[in-house]
Amino acid sequence: MTYKMKCCPGDEPRIEVTDEFIEKNSLKINIDAAKKVMDSESIFLGFDKQVAIDFLTDDDAIQRKHEPPVNGQISDVKETTQDFLDYMVFAWSKATNERGISAMRSVIKLGTWMKILSRPDVAEVLLDNDLYTPYGRPALREACGMLGIQVPDYL
């Protein structure tokens, strides 16, 4: 199944999600991680909550004084992984083009997806301030290496 791209395309071809990628990286949705993100203090402009809200039920969102997810709760690990991969390709272009706030938003959102996909080790790398400069490139390269994603030479 091909999932609809929910972000702008990056400069590189789309990386299609596969069962092998999900299995190799032990990806599974952790709703409690999404709730924890929603219950904690926001990271820079609430970019983390923009990802996490989509994994809550309407009742869970309302309980946390947020609007329910626009398209309903996401519970499909393949869809979530595809969203992550699409955003990774988008993040490469933001880092390469030195787009400050956009690059920061990208690593925060990618880190949040990794928390929700049960990879807090990768989330920690993506959210490590020491790996941000310049424009998240070191964090993106390290996270891609941990997940077996080939990065473009220019990154």
N, C-alpha and C. Protein backbone atom coordinates (compact mmCIF):
# COMPACT_ATOMS: atom_id res chain seq x y z
N MET A 1 0.84 -1.19 0.00
CA MET A 1 0.00 0.00 0.00
C MET A 1 0.88 1.24 0.00
N THR A 2 0.52 2.22 -0.79
CA THR A 2 1.22 3.49 -0.81
C THR A 2 0.41 4.49 0.01
N TYR A 3 1.09 5.13 0.95
CA TYR A 3 0.44 6.10 1.82
C TYR A 3 0.60 7.50 1.25
N LYS A 4 -0.40 8.34 1.50
CA LYS A 4 -0.37 9.72 1.07
C LYS A 4 0.74 10.46 1.83
N MET A 5 1.51 11.27 1.10
CA MET A 5 2.55 12.08 1.72
C MET A 5 1.87 13.24 2.45
N LYS A 6 2.23 13.41 3.73
CA LYS A 6 1.59 14.44 4.56
C LYS A 6 2.47 15.67 4.76
N CYS A 7 3.66 15.65 4.18
CA CYS A 7 4.53 16.81 4.28
C CYS A 7 5.03 17.14 2.88
N CYS A 8 5.72 18.26 2.77
CA CYS A 8 6.30 18.60 1.47
C CYS A 8 7.39 17.59 1.12
N PRO A 9 7.55 17.28 -0.14
CA PRO A 9 8.63 16.35 -0.50
C PRO A 9 9.98 17.03 -0.31
N GLY A 10 10.98 16.23 -0.05
CA GLY A 10 12.34 16.75 0.05
C GLY A 10 13.00 16.74 -1.32
N ASP A 11 14.30 16.95 -1.32
CA ASP A 11 15.05 16.98 -2.58
C ASP A 11 15.43 15.59 -3.07
N GLU A 12 15.27 14.59 -2.23
CA GLU A 12 15.63 13.21 -2.56
C GLU A 12 14.36 12.39 -2.81
N PRO A 13 14.48 11.24 -3.47
CA PRO A 13 13.30 10.40 -3.70
C PRO A 13 12.70 9.90 -2.38
N ARG A 14 11.43 9.65 -2.42
CA ARG A 14 10.72 9.12 -1.26
C ARG A 14 11.27 7.75 -0.89
N ILE A 15 11.42 7.51 0.40
CA ILE A 15 11.81 6.19 0.91
C ILE A 15 10.53 5.46 1.27
N GLU A 16 10.23 4.39 0.57
CA GLU A 16 8.99 3.64 0.83
C GLU A 16 9.16 2.73 2.05
N VAL A 17 8.18 2.74 2.91
CA VAL A 17 8.19 1.89 4.09
C VAL A 17 8.06 0.42 3.68
N THR A 18 8.75 -0.45 4.40
CA THR A 18 8.64 -1.89 4.15
C THR A 18 8.47 -2.61 5.49
N ASP A 19 7.88 -3.79 5.42
CA ASP A 19 7.76 -4.62 6.62
C ASP A 19 9.15 -4.95 7.17
N GLU A 20 10.10 -5.16 6.28
CA GLU A 20 11.46 -5.49 6.70
C GLU A 20 12.07 -4.35 7.52
N PHE A 21 11.88 -3.09 7.07
CA PHE A 21 12.41 -1.94 7.80
C PHE A 21 11.78 -1.87 9.19
N ILE A 22 10.49 -2.07 9.27
CA ILE A 22 9.78 -2.02 10.56
C ILE A 22 10.29 -3.11 11.49
N GLU A 23 10.40 -4.32 10.96
CA GLU A 23 10.85 -5.45 11.77
C GLU A 23 12.31 -5.29 12.21
N LYS A 24 13.17 -4.91 11.28
CA LYS A 24 14.59 -4.75 11.57
C LYS A 24 14.84 -3.72 12.67
N ASN A 25 14.00 -2.68 12.71
CA ASN A 25 14.16 -1.60 13.67
C ASN A 25 13.23 -1.73 14.88
N SER A 26 12.51 -2.86 14.97
CA SER A 26 11.61 -3.13 16.11
C SER A 26 10.64 -1.98 16.36
N LEU A 27 10.04 -1.48 15.30
CA LEU A 27 9.13 -0.36 15.41
C LEU A 27 7.73 -0.84 15.77
N LYS A 28 7.16 -0.22 16.76
CA LYS A 28 5.76 -0.47 17.14
C LYS A 28 5.24 0.78 17.82
N ILE A 29 3.96 1.03 17.68
CA ILE A 29 3.37 2.25 18.23
C ILE A 29 3.20 2.10 19.74
N ASN A 30 3.65 3.12 20.45
CA ASN A 30 3.55 3.19 21.90
C ASN A 30 2.68 4.39 22.25
N ILE A 31 1.39 4.15 22.47
CA ILE A 31 0.44 5.22 22.77
C ILE A 31 0.82 5.93 24.06
N ASP A 32 1.36 5.19 25.04
CA ASP A 32 1.76 5.81 26.30
C ASP A 32 2.86 6.85 26.08
N ALA A 33 3.74 6.62 25.10
CA ALA A 33 4.77 7.61 24.79
C ALA A 33 4.13 8.88 24.23
N ALA A 34 3.11 8.72 23.40
CA ALA A 34 2.40 9.90 22.87
C ALA A 34 1.72 10.66 24.00
N LYS A 35 1.09 9.95 24.92
CA LYS A 35 0.44 10.60 26.06
C LYS A 35 1.48 11.33 26.92
N LYS A 36 2.63 10.73 27.09
CA LYS A 36 3.70 11.35 27.90
C LYS A 36 4.16 12.66 27.25
N VAL A 37 4.31 12.65 25.93
CA VAL A 37 4.67 13.88 25.22
C VAL A 37 3.61 14.95 25.44
N MET A 38 2.36 14.56 25.33
CA MET A 38 1.26 15.52 25.50
C MET A 38 1.18 16.05 26.93
N ASP A 39 1.59 15.24 27.89
CA ASP A 39 1.51 15.64 29.30
C ASP A 39 2.73 16.40 29.79
N SER A 40 3.78 16.43 29.00
CA SER A 40 5.02 17.11 29.42
C SER A 40 5.09 18.52 28.83
N GLU A 41 6.05 19.27 29.31
CA GLU A 41 6.25 20.62 28.78
C GLU A 41 6.69 20.52 27.32
N SER A 42 6.18 21.43 26.52
CA SER A 42 6.49 21.43 25.08
C SER A 42 7.96 21.68 24.82
N ILE A 43 8.44 21.04 23.75
CA ILE A 43 9.77 21.36 23.24
C ILE A 43 9.55 22.44 22.18
N PHE A 44 10.31 23.48 22.21
CA PHE A 44 10.34 24.56 21.23
C PHE A 44 9.09 24.68 20.35
N LEU A 45 8.22 25.59 20.69
CA LEU A 45 7.01 25.93 19.93
C LEU A 45 5.99 24.79 19.79
N GLY A 46 6.12 23.75 20.60
CA GLY A 46 5.12 22.68 20.60
C GLY A 46 5.16 21.77 19.40
N PHE A 47 6.30 21.73 18.69
CA PHE A 47 6.40 20.86 17.52
C PHE A 47 6.23 19.39 17.89
N ASP A 48 6.65 19.01 19.09
CA ASP A 48 6.51 17.62 19.54
C ASP A 48 5.04 17.24 19.69
N LYS A 49 4.25 18.15 20.21
CA LYS A 49 2.83 17.88 20.42
C LYS A 49 2.07 17.79 19.10
N GLN A 50 2.57 18.49 18.06
CA GLN A 50 1.94 18.41 16.74
C GLN A 50 1.98 16.98 16.19
N VAL A 51 3.00 16.24 16.56
CA VAL A 51 3.10 14.84 16.14
C VAL A 51 2.28 13.96 17.08
N ALA A 52 2.47 14.13 18.37
CA ALA A 52 1.87 13.22 19.37
C ALA A 52 0.35 13.24 19.38
N ILE A 53 -0.27 14.37 19.11
CA ILE A 53 -1.73 14.48 19.18
C ILE A 53 -2.42 13.47 18.26
N ASP A 54 -1.79 13.13 17.14
CA ASP A 54 -2.41 12.22 16.18
C ASP A 54 -2.53 10.78 16.68
N PHE A 55 -1.91 10.48 17.81
CA PHE A 55 -1.94 9.11 18.34
C PHE A 55 -2.88 8.97 19.52
N LEU A 56 -3.57 10.05 19.86
CA LEU A 56 -4.52 10.02 20.98
C LEU A 56 -5.95 9.82 20.47
N THR A 57 -6.76 9.22 21.30
CA THR A 57 -8.19 9.17 21.01
C THR A 57 -8.76 10.56 21.22
N ASP A 58 -9.96 10.78 20.73
CA ASP A 58 -10.62 12.08 20.95
C ASP A 58 -10.72 12.37 22.44
N ASP A 59 -11.13 11.36 23.23
CA ASP A 59 -11.28 11.55 24.67
C ASP A 59 -9.96 11.90 25.35
N ASP A 60 -8.88 11.20 24.95
CA ASP A 60 -7.56 11.50 25.52
C ASP A 60 -7.12 12.92 25.19
N ALA A 61 -7.38 13.36 23.98
CA ALA A 61 -7.01 14.72 23.59
C ALA A 61 -7.81 15.75 24.38
N ILE A 62 -9.10 15.56 24.47
CA ILE A 62 -9.97 16.50 25.18
C ILE A 62 -9.59 16.54 26.66
N GLN A 63 -9.28 15.38 27.25
CA GLN A 63 -8.85 15.32 28.65
C GLN A 63 -7.60 16.17 28.86
N ARG A 64 -6.77 16.28 27.85
CA ARG A 64 -5.53 17.07 27.94
C ARG A 64 -5.73 18.49 27.42
N LYS A 65 -7.00 18.88 27.25
CA LYS A 65 -7.38 20.22 26.81
C LYS A 65 -6.81 20.57 25.43
N HIS A 66 -6.85 19.59 24.54
CA HIS A 66 -6.44 19.77 23.15
C HIS A 66 -7.59 19.38 22.24
N GLU A 67 -7.59 19.95 21.06
CA GLU A 67 -8.54 19.52 20.04
C GLU A 67 -8.22 18.08 19.65
N PRO A 68 -9.23 17.27 19.37
CA PRO A 68 -8.98 15.90 18.92
C PRO A 68 -8.21 15.89 17.59
N PRO A 69 -7.55 14.79 17.29
CA PRO A 69 -6.84 14.70 16.00
C PRO A 69 -7.79 14.95 14.84
N VAL A 70 -7.37 15.77 13.90
CA VAL A 70 -8.22 16.17 12.78
C VAL A 70 -8.69 14.96 11.98
N ASN A 71 -7.81 14.01 11.72
CA ASN A 71 -8.15 12.84 10.90
C ASN A 71 -8.36 11.58 11.72
N GLY A 72 -8.59 11.73 13.01
CA GLY A 72 -8.76 10.56 13.87
C GLY A 72 -7.42 10.01 14.33
N GLN A 73 -7.49 9.09 15.26
CA GLN A 73 -6.28 8.51 15.85
C GLN A 73 -5.54 7.63 14.86
N ILE A 74 -4.23 7.82 14.77
CA ILE A 74 -3.38 6.96 13.94
C ILE A 74 -2.96 5.77 14.80
N SER A 75 -3.14 4.57 14.26
CA SER A 75 -2.74 3.37 14.99
C SER A 75 -1.99 2.38 14.09
N ASP A 76 -1.72 2.78 12.87
CA ASP A 76 -1.07 1.91 11.88
C ASP A 76 0.44 2.17 11.89
N VAL A 77 1.22 1.17 12.28
CA VAL A 77 2.67 1.34 12.36
C VAL A 77 3.29 1.62 10.99
N LYS A 78 2.74 1.06 9.94
CA LYS A 78 3.28 1.32 8.60
C LYS A 78 3.04 2.76 8.18
N GLU A 79 1.85 3.26 8.43
CA GLU A 79 1.55 4.66 8.11
C GLU A 79 2.46 5.59 8.91
N THR A 80 2.62 5.30 10.18
CA THR A 80 3.46 6.13 11.05
C THR A 80 4.91 6.11 10.59
N THR A 81 5.40 4.95 10.24
CA THR A 81 6.77 4.82 9.76
C THR A 81 6.94 5.55 8.44
N GLN A 82 5.96 5.47 7.56
CA GLN A 82 6.04 6.20 6.29
C GLN A 82 6.06 7.70 6.55
N ASP A 83 5.24 8.18 7.49
CA ASP A 83 5.25 9.60 7.83
C ASP A 83 6.64 10.02 8.33
N PHE A 84 7.25 9.18 9.17
CA PHE A 84 8.60 9.44 9.67
C PHE A 84 9.61 9.50 8.51
N LEU A 85 9.56 8.51 7.63
CA LEU A 85 10.52 8.46 6.51
C LEU A 85 10.34 9.65 5.57
N ASP A 86 9.09 10.01 5.30
CA ASP A 86 8.83 11.18 4.45
C ASP A 86 9.41 12.44 5.09
N TYR A 87 9.21 12.56 6.38
CA TYR A 87 9.70 13.75 7.08
C TYR A 87 11.22 13.76 7.16
N MET A 88 11.83 12.58 7.23
CA MET A 88 13.30 12.51 7.25
C MET A 88 13.86 13.09 5.95
N VAL A 89 13.29 12.71 4.82
CA VAL A 89 13.76 13.22 3.53
C VAL A 89 13.56 14.74 3.47
N PHE A 90 12.42 15.21 3.97
CA PHE A 90 12.13 16.64 4.05
C PHE A 90 13.16 17.33 4.96
N ALA A 91 13.51 16.71 6.08
CA ALA A 91 14.46 17.28 7.04
C ALA A 91 15.85 17.43 6.43
N TRP A 92 16.24 16.50 5.58
CA TRP A 92 17.55 16.63 4.93
C TRP A 92 17.64 17.94 4.16
N SER A 93 16.57 18.29 3.44
CA SER A 93 16.61 19.53 2.66
C SER A 93 16.64 20.75 3.57
N LYS A 94 15.94 20.71 4.68
CA LYS A 94 15.95 21.84 5.62
C LYS A 94 17.33 22.02 6.23
N ALA A 95 17.99 20.92 6.58
CA ALA A 95 19.33 20.99 7.16
C ALA A 95 20.33 21.50 6.13
N THR A 96 20.25 20.98 4.93
CA THR A 96 21.19 21.35 3.88
C THR A 96 21.03 22.81 3.46
N ASN A 97 19.79 23.28 3.42
CA ASN A 97 19.53 24.66 3.02
C ASN A 97 19.62 25.63 4.19
N GLU A 98 20.07 25.13 5.35
CA GLU A 98 20.31 25.93 6.55
C GLU A 98 19.09 26.76 6.94
N ARG A 99 17.96 26.08 7.02
CA ARG A 99 16.69 26.69 7.39
C ARG A 99 16.49 26.51 8.90
N GLY A 100 16.96 27.47 9.69
CA GLY A 100 17.03 27.39 11.13
C GLY A 100 15.83 26.80 11.85
N ILE A 101 14.71 27.51 11.87
CA ILE A 101 13.53 27.03 12.61
C ILE A 101 12.98 25.77 11.95
N SER A 102 12.99 25.70 10.64
CA SER A 102 12.49 24.51 9.95
C SER A 102 13.35 23.28 10.26
N ALA A 103 14.66 23.48 10.34
CA ALA A 103 15.55 22.36 10.68
C ALA A 103 15.31 21.91 12.12
N MET A 104 15.13 22.86 13.03
CA MET A 104 14.85 22.53 14.43
C MET A 104 13.52 21.79 14.54
N ARG A 105 12.50 22.29 13.85
CA ARG A 105 11.19 21.64 13.85
C ARG A 105 11.33 20.20 13.37
N SER A 106 12.13 20.01 12.34
CA SER A 106 12.28 18.67 11.77
C SER A 106 12.87 17.68 12.76
N VAL A 107 13.96 18.05 13.43
CA VAL A 107 14.56 17.09 14.36
C VAL A 107 13.66 16.84 15.55
N ILE A 108 12.90 17.85 15.99
CA ILE A 108 11.97 17.65 17.10
C ILE A 108 10.86 16.69 16.69
N LYS A 109 10.27 16.90 15.53
CA LYS A 109 9.19 16.02 15.08
C LYS A 109 9.70 14.60 14.85
N LEU A 110 10.86 14.47 14.24
CA LEU A 110 11.42 13.13 14.01
C LEU A 110 11.71 12.44 15.35
N GLY A 111 12.24 13.17 16.31
CA GLY A 111 12.49 12.61 17.64
C GLY A 111 11.21 12.14 18.30
N THR A 112 10.15 12.91 18.13
CA THR A 112 8.86 12.53 18.72
C THR A 112 8.32 11.27 18.06
N TRP A 113 8.42 11.18 16.74
CA TRP A 113 7.99 9.94 16.07
C TRP A 113 8.77 8.74 16.59
N MET A 114 10.06 8.92 16.83
CA MET A 114 10.87 7.79 17.33
C MET A 114 10.44 7.38 18.74
N LYS A 115 10.06 8.34 19.57
CA LYS A 115 9.52 7.98 20.90
C LYS A 115 8.27 7.13 20.72
N ILE A 116 7.39 7.59 19.85
CA ILE A 116 6.10 6.91 19.64
C ILE A 116 6.29 5.56 18.95
N LEU A 117 7.32 5.44 18.12
CA LEU A 117 7.60 4.17 17.44
C LEU A 117 8.52 3.26 18.27
N SER A 118 8.62 3.54 19.55
CA SER A 118 9.34 2.69 20.52
C SER A 118 10.84 2.63 20.29
N ARG A 119 11.41 3.74 19.83
CA ARG A 119 12.87 3.83 19.67
C ARG A 119 13.38 5.06 20.41
N PRO A 120 13.30 5.04 21.74
CA PRO A 120 13.77 6.20 22.51
C PRO A 120 15.27 6.46 22.33
N ASP A 121 16.03 5.43 21.96
CA ASP A 121 17.47 5.62 21.72
C ASP A 121 17.70 6.54 20.52
N VAL A 122 16.92 6.37 19.48
CA VAL A 122 17.04 7.22 18.30
C VAL A 122 16.48 8.61 18.61
N ALA A 123 15.40 8.66 19.38
CA ALA A 123 14.82 9.95 19.79
C ALA A 123 15.85 10.77 20.56
N GLU A 124 16.56 10.11 21.44
CA GLU A 124 17.57 10.80 22.25
C GLU A 124 18.65 11.43 21.37
N VAL A 125 19.08 10.72 20.35
CA VAL A 125 20.07 11.27 19.41
C VAL A 125 19.50 12.47 18.68
N LEU A 126 18.29 12.34 18.17
CA LEU A 126 17.68 13.43 17.41
C LEU A 126 17.46 14.68 18.27
N LEU A 127 17.18 14.49 19.54
CA LEU A 127 16.88 15.61 20.42
C LEU A 127 18.09 16.09 21.22
N ASP A 128 19.26 15.55 20.93
CA ASP A 128 20.48 15.94 21.63
C ASP A 128 20.98 17.28 21.10
N ASN A 129 20.93 18.31 21.93
CA ASN A 129 21.35 19.65 21.50
C ASN A 129 22.79 19.68 21.02
N ASP A 130 23.64 18.81 21.58
CA ASP A 130 25.05 18.77 21.16
C ASP A 130 25.21 18.24 19.74
N LEU A 131 24.20 17.56 19.21
CA LEU A 131 24.26 17.03 17.85
C LEU A 131 23.47 17.89 16.86
N TYR A 132 23.00 19.05 17.31
CA TYR A 132 22.18 19.88 16.41
C TYR A 132 23.03 20.68 15.42
N THR A 133 24.08 21.32 15.88
CA THR A 133 24.86 22.22 15.03
C THR A 133 25.73 21.43 14.06
N PRO A 134 25.69 21.76 12.77
CA PRO A 134 24.89 22.77 12.11
C PRO A 134 23.55 22.22 11.60
N TYR A 135 22.48 22.88 11.96
CA TYR A 135 21.15 22.64 11.42
C TYR A 135 20.66 21.19 11.52
N GLY A 136 21.07 20.50 12.56
CA GLY A 136 20.59 19.14 12.80
C GLY A 136 21.28 18.06 11.99
N ARG A 137 22.20 18.44 11.13
CA ARG A 137 22.86 17.45 10.26
C ARG A 137 23.52 16.31 11.04
N PRO A 138 24.30 16.58 12.08
CA PRO A 138 24.92 15.46 12.81
C PRO A 138 23.88 14.51 13.42
N ALA A 139 22.80 15.05 13.96
CA ALA A 139 21.74 14.22 14.55
C ALA A 139 21.05 13.39 13.48
N LEU A 140 20.76 14.00 12.34
CA LEU A 140 20.10 13.27 11.25
C LEU A 140 20.98 12.14 10.74
N ARG A 141 22.27 12.42 10.56
CA ARG A 141 23.19 11.38 10.09
C ARG A 141 23.27 10.23 11.09
N GLU A 142 23.39 10.56 12.37
CA GLU A 142 23.50 9.52 13.41
C GLU A 142 22.22 8.69 13.48
N ALA A 143 21.06 9.35 13.47
CA ALA A 143 19.78 8.63 13.53
C ALA A 143 19.62 7.72 12.31
N CYS A 144 19.96 8.23 11.13
CA CYS A 144 19.86 7.41 9.92
C CYS A 144 20.77 6.19 10.01
N GLY A 145 21.97 6.38 10.54
CA GLY A 145 22.88 5.25 10.72
C GLY A 145 22.30 4.21 11.65
N MET A 146 21.66 4.64 12.72
CA MET A 146 21.06 3.70 13.68
C MET A 146 19.92 2.91 13.06
N LEU A 147 19.24 3.52 12.09
CA LEU A 147 18.07 2.89 11.46
C LEU A 147 18.38 2.21 10.13
N GLY A 148 19.62 2.33 9.68
CA GLY A 148 19.99 1.72 8.40
C GLY A 148 19.47 2.47 7.19
N ILE A 149 19.31 3.80 7.33
CA ILE A 149 18.86 4.64 6.22
C ILE A 149 20.09 5.28 5.60
N GLN A 150 20.24 5.13 4.29
CA GLN A 150 21.36 5.74 3.60
C GLN A 150 21.11 7.23 3.45
N VAL A 151 22.07 8.05 3.87
CA VAL A 151 21.93 9.50 3.77
C VAL A 151 22.63 10.00 2.52
N PRO A 152 22.14 11.11 1.98
CA PRO A 152 22.82 11.68 0.80
C PRO A 152 24.22 12.13 1.18
N ASP A 153 25.12 12.08 0.22
CA ASP A 153 26.52 12.47 0.45
C ASP A 153 26.66 13.91 0.94
N TYR A 154 25.78 14.79 0.51
CA TYR A 154 25.90 16.21 0.86
C TYR A 154 25.48 16.51 2.29
N LEU A 155 24.86 15.57 2.98
CA LEU A 155 24.37 15.86 4.33
C LEU A 155 25.49 15.80 5.34
